[in-house]
């Protein structure tokens, strides 16, 4: 498929640019579908209806200390972000 996309066109763009544009447009076209079908959390997932599936998913989140959703602003999380060395890794890579 990549070879076919690379050979298509009149030569105004390079083969890698054609492949990039095709894959990018394909991804962009499916974005609304994925946005609609993926649930926000296990509590709203339509596919977790059988038996204890929802409780099992929530238990996994609890074990991983991930949590479901919180809209509350916590200054301790802001402080934690700025104290984390990974926050500043991009500066070391790009500067």
PDB file of N, CA and C in Angstrom:
ATOM      1  N   UNK A   1       0.829  -1.187   0.000  1.00  0.00           N
ATOM      2  CA  UNK A   1       0.000   0.000   0.000  1.00  0.00           C
ATOM      3  C   UNK A   1       0.874   1.251   0.000  1.00  0.00           C
ATOM      4  N   UNK A   2       1.941   1.217   0.791  1.00  0.00           N
ATOM      5  CA  UNK A   2       2.834   2.371   0.827  1.00  0.00           C
ATOM      6  C   UNK A   2       3.483   2.603  -0.531  1.00  0.00           C
ATOM      7  N   UNK A   3       3.850   1.515  -1.197  1.00  0.00           N
ATOM      8  CA  UNK A   3       4.458   1.658  -2.518  1.00  0.00           C
ATOM      9  C   UNK A   3       3.471   2.312  -3.489  1.00  0.00           C
ATOM     10  N   UNK A   4       2.214   1.881  -3.456  1.00  0.00           N
ATOM     11  CA  UNK A   4       1.198   2.445  -4.335  1.00  0.00           C
ATOM     12  C   UNK A   4       0.960   3.923  -4.069  1.00  0.00           C
ATOM     13  N   UNK A   5       0.902   4.289  -2.799  1.00  0.00           N
ATOM     14  CA  UNK A   5       0.712   5.696  -2.446  1.00  0.00           C
ATOM     15  C   UNK A   5       1.925   6.505  -2.867  1.00  0.00           C
ATOM     16  N   UNK A   6       3.104   5.927  -2.694  1.00  0.00           N
ATOM     17  CA  UNK A   6       4.335   6.618  -3.076  1.00  0.00           C
ATOM     18  C   UNK A   6       4.446   6.830  -4.580  1.00  0.00           C
ATOM     19  N   UNK A   7       3.883   5.918  -5.374  1.00  0.00           N
ATOM     20  CA  UNK A   7       3.948   6.041  -6.826  1.00  0.00           C
ATOM     21  C   UNK A   7       2.857   6.923  -7.405  1.00  0.00           C
ATOM     22  N   UNK A   8       1.808   7.164  -6.641  1.00  0.00           N
ATOM     23  CA  UNK A   8       0.683   7.974  -7.127  1.00  0.00           C
ATOM     24  C   UNK A   8       1.095   9.444  -7.214  1.00  0.00           C
ATOM     25  N   UNK A   9       0.434  10.160  -8.029  1.00  0.00           N
ATOM     26  CA  UNK A   9       0.671  11.593  -8.149  1.00  0.00           C
ATOM     27  C   UNK A   9       1.521  11.943  -9.355  1.00  0.00           C
ATOM     28  N   UNK A  10       1.692  13.220  -9.554  1.00  0.00           N
ATOM     29  CA  UNK A  10       2.416  13.713 -10.724  1.00  0.00           C
ATOM     30  C   UNK A  10       3.862  14.091 -10.414  1.00  0.00           C
ATOM     31  N   UNK A  11       4.331  13.766  -9.244  1.00  0.00           N
ATOM     32  CA  UNK A  11       5.715  14.061  -8.879  1.00  0.00           C
ATOM     33  C   UNK A  11       5.896  15.405  -8.207  1.00  0.00           C
ATOM     34  N   UNK A  12       4.784  16.092  -7.885  1.00  0.00           N
ATOM     35  CA  UNK A  12       4.917  17.394  -7.230  1.00  0.00           C
ATOM     36  C   UNK A  12       5.261  17.247  -5.750  1.00  0.00           C
ATOM     37  N   UNK A  13       4.975  16.076  -5.165  1.00  0.00           N
ATOM     38  CA  UNK A  13       5.371  15.812  -3.780  1.00  0.00           C
ATOM     39  C   UNK A  13       6.180  14.521  -3.748  1.00  0.00           C
ATOM     40  N   UNK A  14       6.996  14.386  -2.738  1.00  0.00           N
ATOM     41  CA  UNK A  14       7.808  13.177  -2.567  1.00  0.00           C
ATOM     42  C   UNK A  14       6.931  12.026  -2.089  1.00  0.00           C
ATOM     43  N   UNK A  15       7.437  10.801  -2.256  1.00  0.00           N
ATOM     44  CA  UNK A  15       6.677   9.603  -1.866  1.00  0.00           C
ATOM     45  C   UNK A  15       6.363   9.617  -0.368  1.00  0.00           C
ATOM     46  N   UNK A  16       7.328   9.987   0.458  1.00  0.00           N
ATOM     47  CA  UNK A  16       7.091   9.981   1.897  1.00  0.00           C
ATOM     48  C   UNK A  16       6.042  11.022   2.283  1.00  0.00           C
ATOM     49  N   UNK A  17       5.955  12.115   1.530  1.00  0.00           N
ATOM     50  CA  UNK A  17       4.946  13.127   1.829  1.00  0.00           C
ATOM     51  C   UNK A  17       3.548  12.610   1.501  1.00  0.00           C
ATOM     52  N   UNK A  18       3.430  11.860   0.407  1.00  0.00           N
ATOM     53  CA  UNK A  18       2.139  11.277   0.048  1.00  0.00           C
ATOM     54  C   UNK A  18       1.670  10.277   1.089  1.00  0.00           C
ATOM     55  N   UNK A  19       2.601   9.449   1.570  1.00  0.00           N
ATOM     56  CA  UNK A  19       2.257   8.473   2.609  1.00  0.00           C
ATOM     57  C   UNK A  19       1.838   9.200   3.887  1.00  0.00           C
ATOM     58  N   UNK A  20       2.582  10.221   4.248  1.00  0.00           N
ATOM     59  CA  UNK A  20       2.266  11.004   5.440  1.00  0.00           C
ATOM     60  C   UNK A  20       0.880  11.638   5.325  1.00  0.00           C
ATOM     61  N   UNK A  21       0.570  12.222   4.176  1.00  0.00           N
ATOM     62  CA  UNK A  21      -0.734  12.855   3.979  1.00  0.00           C
ATOM     63  C   UNK A  21      -1.871  11.832   4.012  1.00  0.00           C
ATOM     64  N   UNK A  22      -1.647  10.658   3.422  1.00  0.00           N
ATOM     65  CA  UNK A  22      -2.678   9.623   3.421  1.00  0.00           C
ATOM     66  C   UNK A  22      -2.962   9.128   4.832  1.00  0.00           C
ATOM     67  N   UNK A  23      -1.925   8.767   5.564  1.00  0.00           N
ATOM     68  CA  UNK A  23      -2.112   8.258   6.932  1.00  0.00           C
ATOM     69  C   UNK A  23      -2.692   9.343   7.831  1.00  0.00           C
ATOM     70  N   UNK A  24      -2.243  10.573   7.665  1.00  0.00           N
ATOM     71  CA  UNK A  24      -2.781  11.672   8.464  1.00  0.00           C
ATOM     72  C   UNK A  24      -4.245  11.927   8.200  1.00  0.00           C
ATOM     73  N   UNK A  25      -4.642  11.912   6.934  1.00  0.00           N
ATOM     74  CA  UNK A  25      -6.058  12.135   6.611  1.00  0.00           C
ATOM     75  C   UNK A  25      -6.915  10.964   7.066  1.00  0.00           C
ATOM     76  N   UNK A  26      -6.375   9.745   6.985  1.00  0.00           N
ATOM     77  CA  UNK A  26      -7.088   8.566   7.479  1.00  0.00           C
ATOM     78  C   UNK A  26      -7.328   8.688   8.981  1.00  0.00           C
ATOM     79  N   UNK A  27      -6.309   9.081   9.717  1.00  0.00           N
ATOM     80  CA  UNK A  27      -6.435   9.260  11.165  1.00  0.00           C
ATOM     81  C   UNK A  27      -7.426  10.367  11.498  1.00  0.00           C
ATOM     82  N   UNK A  28      -7.348  11.452  10.775  1.00  0.00           N
ATOM     83  CA  UNK A  28      -8.243  12.574  11.010  1.00  0.00           C
ATOM     84  C   UNK A  28      -9.688  12.211  10.713  1.00  0.00           C
ATOM     85  N   UNK A  29      -9.910  11.384   9.696  1.00  0.00           N
ATOM     86  CA  UNK A  29     -11.269  10.986   9.338  1.00  0.00           C
ATOM     87  C   UNK A  29     -11.907  10.119  10.422  1.00  0.00           C
ATOM     88  N   UNK A  30     -11.121   9.299  11.105  1.00  0.00           N
ATOM     89  CA  UNK A  30     -11.671   8.407  12.121  1.00  0.00           C
ATOM     90  C   UNK A  30     -11.705   9.014  13.521  1.00  0.00           C
ATOM     91  N   UNK A  31     -11.184  10.203  13.686  1.00  0.00           N
ATOM     92  CA  UNK A  31     -11.173  10.844  14.999  1.00  0.00           C
ATOM     93  C   UNK A  31     -12.561  11.011  15.591  1.00  0.00           C
ATOM     94  N   UNK A  32     -13.560  11.520  14.861  1.00  0.00           N
ATOM     95  CA  UNK A  32     -14.899  11.658  15.468  1.00  0.00           C
ATOM     96  C   UNK A  32     -15.504  10.315  15.901  1.00  0.00           C
ATOM     97  N   UNK A  33     -15.274   9.270  15.133  1.00  0.00           N
ATOM     98  CA  UNK A  33     -15.797   7.952  15.484  1.00  0.00           C
ATOM     99  C   UNK A  33     -15.169   7.445  16.777  1.00  0.00           C
ATOM    100  N   UNK A  34     -13.864   7.570  16.896  1.00  0.00           N
ATOM    101  CA  UNK A  34     -13.174   7.130  18.113  1.00  0.00           C
ATOM    102  C   UNK A  34     -13.609   7.991  19.292  1.00  0.00           C
ATOM    103  N   UNK A  35     -13.756   9.281  19.072  1.00  0.00           N
ATOM    104  CA  UNK A  35     -14.186  10.205  20.127  1.00  0.00           C
ATOM    105  C   UNK A  35     -15.561   9.800  20.659  1.00  0.00           C
ATOM    106  N   UNK A  36     -16.445   9.372  19.755  1.00  0.00           N
ATOM    107  CA  UNK A  36     -17.797   8.988  20.135  1.00  0.00           C
ATOM    108  C   UNK A  36     -17.819   7.626  20.828  1.00  0.00           C
ATOM    109  N   UNK A  37     -17.040   6.660  20.345  1.00  0.00           N
ATOM    110  CA  UNK A  37     -17.123   5.293  20.843  1.00  0.00           C
ATOM    111  C   UNK A  37     -16.343   5.033  22.135  1.00  0.00           C
ATOM    112  N   UNK A  38     -15.242   5.738  22.357  1.00  0.00           N
ATOM    113  CA  UNK A  38     -14.443   5.481  23.558  1.00  0.00           C
ATOM    114  C   UNK A  38     -15.092   6.124  24.785  1.00  0.00           C
ATOM    115  N   UNK A  39     -15.225   5.371  25.853  1.00  0.00           N
ATOM    116  CA  UNK A  39     -15.833   5.939  27.059  1.00  0.00           C
ATOM    117  C   UNK A  39     -14.848   6.833  27.803  1.00  0.00           C
ATOM    118  N   UNK A  40     -15.392   7.732  28.618  1.00  0.00           N
ATOM    119  CA  UNK A  40     -14.557   8.620  29.415  1.00  0.00           C
ATOM    120  C   UNK A  40     -13.960   7.910  30.622  1.00  0.00           C
ATOM    121  N   UNK A  41     -14.673   6.950  31.164  1.00  0.00           N
ATOM    122  CA  UNK A  41     -14.207   6.208  32.331  1.00  0.00           C
ATOM    123  C   UNK A  41     -14.937   4.873  32.390  1.00  0.00           C
ATOM    124  N   UNK A  42     -14.495   3.968  33.244  1.00  0.00           N
ATOM    125  CA  UNK A  42     -15.195   2.685  33.365  1.00  0.00           C
ATOM    126  C   UNK A  42     -16.637   2.831  33.857  1.00  0.00           C
ATOM    127  N   UNK A  43     -16.914   3.912  34.546  1.00  0.00           N
ATOM    128  CA  UNK A  43     -18.276   4.093  35.046  1.00  0.00           C
ATOM    129  C   UNK A  43     -19.266   4.401  33.934  1.00  0.00           C
ATOM    130  N   UNK A  44     -18.790   4.919  32.807  1.00  0.00           N
ATOM    131  CA  UNK A  44     -19.680   5.226  31.685  1.00  0.00           C
ATOM    132  C   UNK A  44     -19.487   4.287  30.499  1.00  0.00           C
ATOM    133  N   UNK A  45     -18.648   3.269  30.629  1.00  0.00           N
ATOM    134  CA  UNK A  45     -18.385   2.345  29.528  1.00  0.00           C
ATOM    135  C   UNK A  45     -19.590   1.447  29.278  1.00  0.00           C
ATOM    136  N   UNK A  46     -20.091   1.456  28.056  1.00  0.00           N
ATOM    137  CA  UNK A  46     -21.269   0.656  27.713  1.00  0.00           C
ATOM    138  C   UNK A  46     -20.948  -0.836  27.640  1.00  0.00           C
ATOM    139  N   UNK A  47     -19.693  -1.178  27.366  1.00  0.00           N
ATOM    140  CA  UNK A  47     -19.331  -2.582  27.216  1.00  0.00           C
ATOM    141  C   UNK A  47     -19.051  -3.272  28.557  1.00  0.00           C
ATOM    142  N   UNK A  48     -19.093  -2.537  29.650  1.00  0.00           N
ATOM    143  CA  UNK A  48     -18.870  -3.127  30.977  1.00  0.00           C
ATOM    144  C   UNK A  48     -20.207  -3.310  31.700  1.00  0.00           C
ATOM    145  N   UNK A  49     -21.113  -4.074  31.110  1.00  0.00           N
ATOM    146  CA  UNK A  49     -22.438  -4.256  31.694  1.00  0.00           C
ATOM    147  C   UNK A  49     -22.638  -5.627  32.312  1.00  0.00           C
ATOM    148  N   UNK A  50     -21.856  -6.612  31.911  1.00  0.00           N
ATOM    149  CA  UNK A  50     -22.072  -7.986  32.367  1.00  0.00           C
ATOM    150  C   UNK A  50     -21.485  -8.200  33.763  1.00  0.00           C
ATOM    151  N   UNK A  51     -22.287  -8.680  34.654  1.00  0.00           N
ATOM    152  CA  UNK A  51     -21.826  -9.075  35.985  1.00  0.00           C
ATOM    153  C   UNK A  51     -21.010  -8.019  36.695  1.00  0.00           C
ATOM    154  N   UNK A  52     -19.809  -8.422  37.107  1.00  0.00           N
ATOM    155  CA  UNK A  52     -18.936  -7.545  37.888  1.00  0.00           C
ATOM    156  C   UNK A  52     -17.873  -6.865  37.046  1.00  0.00           C
ATOM    157  N   UNK A  53     -18.052  -6.781  35.748  1.00  0.00           N
ATOM    158  CA  UNK A  53     -17.024  -6.205  34.877  1.00  0.00           C
ATOM    159  C   UNK A  53     -16.660  -4.774  35.277  1.00  0.00           C
ATOM    160  N   UNK A  54     -17.670  -3.975  35.569  1.00  0.00           N
ATOM    161  CA  UNK A  54     -17.423  -2.577  35.942  1.00  0.00           C
ATOM    162  C   UNK A  54     -16.679  -2.490  37.267  1.00  0.00           C
ATOM    163  N   UNK A  55     -17.069  -3.326  38.219  1.00  0.00           N
ATOM    164  CA  UNK A  55     -16.386  -3.324  39.522  1.00  0.00           C
ATOM    165  C   UNK A  55     -14.943  -3.789  39.391  1.00  0.00           C
ATOM    166  N   UNK A  56     -14.698  -4.767  38.529  1.00  0.00           N
ATOM    167  CA  UNK A  56     -13.332  -5.246  38.305  1.00  0.00           C
ATOM    168  C   UNK A  56     -12.470  -4.144  37.692  1.00  0.00           C
ATOM    169  N   UNK A  57     -13.028  -3.414  36.717  1.00  0.00           N
ATOM    170  CA  UNK A  57     -12.284  -2.320  36.091  1.00  0.00           C
ATOM    171  C   UNK A  57     -11.975  -1.220  37.106  1.00  0.00           C
ATOM    172  N   UNK A  58     -12.939  -0.888  37.941  1.00  0.00           N
ATOM    173  CA  UNK A  58     -12.710   0.137  38.960  1.00  0.00           C
ATOM    174  C   UNK A  58     -11.684  -0.334  39.997  1.00  0.00           C
ATOM    175  N   UNK A  59     -11.696  -1.625  40.306  1.00  0.00           N
ATOM    176  CA  UNK A  59     -10.712  -2.174  41.242  1.00  0.00           C
ATOM    177  C   UNK A  59      -9.300  -2.087  40.663  1.00  0.00           C
ATOM    178  N   UNK A  60      -9.163  -2.332  39.370  1.00  0.00           N
ATOM    179  CA  UNK A  60      -7.846  -2.193  38.728  1.00  0.00           C
ATOM    180  C   UNK A  60      -7.339  -0.761  38.826  1.00  0.00           C
ATOM    181  N   UNK A  61      -8.226   0.193  38.604  1.00  0.00           N
ATOM    182  CA  UNK A  61      -7.833   1.601  38.723  1.00  0.00           C
ATOM    183  C   UNK A  61      -7.411   1.923  40.154  1.00  0.00           C
ATOM    184  N   UNK A  62      -8.117   1.371  41.114  1.00  0.00           N
ATOM    185  CA  UNK A  62      -7.777   1.625  42.513  1.00  0.00           C
ATOM    186  C   UNK A  62      -6.412   1.023  42.859  1.00  0.00           C
ATOM    187  N   UNK A  63      -6.142  -0.177  42.356  1.00  0.00           N
ATOM    188  CA  UNK A  63      -4.856  -0.820  42.620  1.00  0.00           C
ATOM    189  C   UNK A  63      -3.696  -0.047  41.999  1.00  0.00           C
ATOM    190  N   UNK A  64      -3.928   0.563  40.838  1.00  0.00           N
ATOM    191  CA  UNK A  64      -2.879   1.324  40.160  1.00  0.00           C
ATOM    192  C   UNK A  64      -2.773   2.756  40.662  1.00  0.00           C
ATOM    193  N   UNK A  65      -3.619   3.126  41.614  1.00  0.00           N
ATOM    194  CA  UNK A  65      -3.688   4.506  42.115  1.00  0.00           C
ATOM    195  C   UNK A  65      -3.931   5.502  40.986  1.00  0.00           C
ATOM    196  N   UNK A  66      -4.772   5.114  40.035  1.00  0.00           N
ATOM    197  CA  UNK A  66      -5.053   5.964  38.880  1.00  0.00           C
ATOM    198  C   UNK A  66      -6.247   6.866  39.132  1.00  0.00           C
ATOM    199  N   UNK A  67      -7.323   6.322  39.651  1.00  0.00           N
ATOM    200  CA  UNK A  67      -8.536   7.092  39.882  1.00  0.00           C
ATOM    201  C   UNK A  67      -9.368   7.189  38.626  1.00  0.00           C
ATOM    202  N   UNK A  68     -10.590   7.675  38.770  1.00  0.00           N
ATOM    203  CA  UNK A  68     -11.478   7.778  37.619  1.00  0.00           C
ATOM    204  C   UNK A  68     -11.501   9.193  37.065  1.00  0.00           C
ATOM    205  N   UNK A  69     -12.117  10.118  37.774  1.00  0.00           N
ATOM    206  CA  UNK A  69     -12.174  11.483  37.273  1.00  0.00           C
ATOM    207  C   UNK A  69     -12.307  12.438  38.450  1.00  0.00           C
ATOM    208  N   UNK A  70     -11.553  13.507  38.373  1.00  0.00           N
ATOM    209  CA  UNK A  70     -11.646  14.532  39.389  1.00  0.00           C
ATOM    210  C   UNK A  70     -11.491  15.887  38.720  1.00  0.00           C
ATOM    211  N   UNK A  71     -12.463  16.746  38.913  1.00  0.00           N
ATOM    212  CA  UNK A  71     -12.409  18.090  38.334  1.00  0.00           C
ATOM    213  C   UNK A  71     -11.929  19.114  39.349  1.00  0.00           C
ATOM    214  N   UNK A  72     -11.515  18.647  40.498  1.00  0.00           N
ATOM    215  CA  UNK A  72     -11.072  19.536  41.565  1.00  0.00           C
ATOM    216  C   UNK A  72      -9.618  19.947  41.346  1.00  0.00           C
ATOM    217  N   UNK A  73      -9.351  21.246  41.465  1.00  0.00           N
ATOM    218  CA  UNK A  73      -7.992  21.775  41.307  1.00  0.00           C
ATOM    219  C   UNK A  73      -7.235  21.559  42.604  1.00  0.00           C
ATOM    220  N   UNK A  74      -6.073  20.899  42.502  1.00  0.00           N
ATOM    221  CA  UNK A  74      -5.273  20.621  43.692  1.00  0.00           C
ATOM    222  C   UNK A  74      -3.883  21.226  43.505  1.00  0.00           C
ATOM    223  N   UNK A  75      -3.531  22.164  44.387  1.00  0.00           N
ATOM    224  CA  UNK A  75      -2.230  22.817  44.293  1.00  0.00           C
ATOM    225  C   UNK A  75      -1.091  21.845  44.553  1.00  0.00           C
ATOM    226  N   UNK A  76      -1.357  20.793  45.313  1.00  0.00           N
ATOM    227  CA  UNK A  76      -0.304  19.806  45.566  1.00  0.00           C
ATOM    228  C   UNK A  76       0.099  19.104  44.271  1.00  0.00           C
ATOM    229  N   UNK A  77      -0.858  18.920  43.333  1.00  0.00           N
ATOM    230  CA  UNK A  77      -0.531  18.308  42.056  1.00  0.00           C
ATOM    231  C   UNK A  77       0.288  19.253  41.182  1.00  0.00           C
ATOM    232  N   UNK A  78       0.013  20.549  41.251  1.00  0.00           N
ATOM    233  CA  UNK A  78       0.805  21.537  40.510  1.00  0.00           C
ATOM    234  C   UNK A  78       2.237  21.531  41.029  1.00  0.00           C
ATOM    235  N   UNK A  79       2.371  21.523  42.354  1.00  0.00           N
ATOM    236  CA  UNK A  79       3.698  21.471  42.968  1.00  0.00           C
ATOM    237  C   UNK A  79       4.446  20.198  42.555  1.00  0.00           C
ATOM    238  N   UNK A  80       3.729  19.079  42.545  1.00  0.00           N
ATOM    239  CA  UNK A  80       4.335  17.807  42.159  1.00  0.00           C
ATOM    240  C   UNK A  80       4.817  17.840  40.713  1.00  0.00           C
ATOM    241  N   UNK A  81       4.056  18.488  39.845  1.00  0.00           N
ATOM    242  CA  UNK A  81       4.444  18.601  38.435  1.00  0.00           C
ATOM    243  C   UNK A  81       5.752  19.361  38.282  1.00  0.00           C
ATOM    244  N   UNK A  82       5.884  20.459  38.978  1.00  0.00           N
ATOM    245  CA  UNK A  82       7.097  21.266  38.855  1.00  0.00           C
ATOM    246  C   UNK A  82       8.301  20.661  39.557  1.00  0.00           C
ATOM    247  N   UNK A  83       8.067  19.747  40.486  1.00  0.00           N
ATOM    248  CA  UNK A  83       9.180  19.079  41.169  1.00  0.00           C
ATOM    249  C   UNK A  83       9.652  17.838  40.433  1.00  0.00           C
ATOM    250  N   UNK A  84       8.867  17.357  39.474  1.00  0.00           N
ATOM    251  CA  UNK A  84       9.198  16.146  38.734  1.00  0.00           C
ATOM    252  C   UNK A  84      10.263  16.455  37.683  1.00  0.00           C
ATOM    253  N   UNK A  85      11.384  15.749  37.673  1.00  0.00           N
ATOM    254  CA  UNK A  85      12.448  16.010  36.696  1.00  0.00           C
ATOM    255  C   UNK A  85      12.005  15.786  35.251  1.00  0.00           C
ATOM    256  N   UNK A  86      11.025  14.912  35.029  1.00  0.00           N
ATOM    257  CA  UNK A  86      10.557  14.651  33.662  1.00  0.00           C
ATOM    258  C   UNK A  86       9.893  15.877  33.052  1.00  0.00           C
ATOM    259  N   UNK A  87       9.422  16.792  33.888  1.00  0.00           N
ATOM    260  CA  UNK A  87       8.824  18.024  33.389  1.00  0.00           C
ATOM    261  C   UNK A  87       9.854  18.844  32.614  1.00  0.00           C
ATOM    262  N   UNK A  88      11.090  18.785  33.035  1.00  0.00           N
ATOM    263  CA  UNK A  88      12.140  19.603  32.438  1.00  0.00           C
ATOM    264  C   UNK A  88      12.975  18.880  31.415  1.00  0.00           C
ATOM    265  N   UNK A  89      12.649  17.603  31.138  1.00  0.00           N
ATOM    266  CA  UNK A  89      13.407  16.840  30.152  1.00  0.00           C
ATOM    267  C   UNK A  89      13.305  17.422  28.756  1.00  0.00           C
ATOM    268  N   UNK A  90      12.146  17.966  28.398  1.00  0.00           N
ATOM    269  CA  UNK A  90      11.981  18.531  27.060  1.00  0.00           C
ATOM    270  C   UNK A  90      12.949  19.686  26.860  1.00  0.00           C
ATOM    271  N   UNK A  91      13.218  20.439  27.915  1.00  0.00           N
ATOM    272  CA  UNK A  91      14.134  21.566  27.778  1.00  0.00           C
ATOM    273  C   UNK A  91      15.546  21.062  27.492  1.00  0.00           C
ATOM    274  N   UNK A  92      15.941  19.974  28.140  1.00  0.00           N
ATOM    275  CA  UNK A  92      17.271  19.429  27.917  1.00  0.00           C
ATOM    276  C   UNK A  92      17.394  18.840  26.505  1.00  0.00           C
ATOM    277  N   UNK A  93      16.301  18.322  25.980  1.00  0.00           N
ATOM    278  CA  UNK A  93      16.350  17.702  24.660  1.00  0.00           C
ATOM    279  C   UNK A  93      16.340  18.744  23.544  1.00  0.00           C
ATOM    280  N   UNK A  94      15.625  19.851  23.726  1.00  0.00           N
ATOM    281  CA  UNK A  94      15.426  20.802  22.638  1.00  0.00           C
ATOM    282  C   UNK A  94      16.247  22.079  22.749  1.00  0.00           C
ATOM    283  N   UNK A  95      16.855  22.330  23.892  1.00  0.00           N
ATOM    284  CA  UNK A  95      17.641  23.562  24.025  1.00  0.00           C
ATOM    285  C   UNK A  95      19.106  23.296  23.891  1.00  0.00           C
TER     286      UNK A  95
END
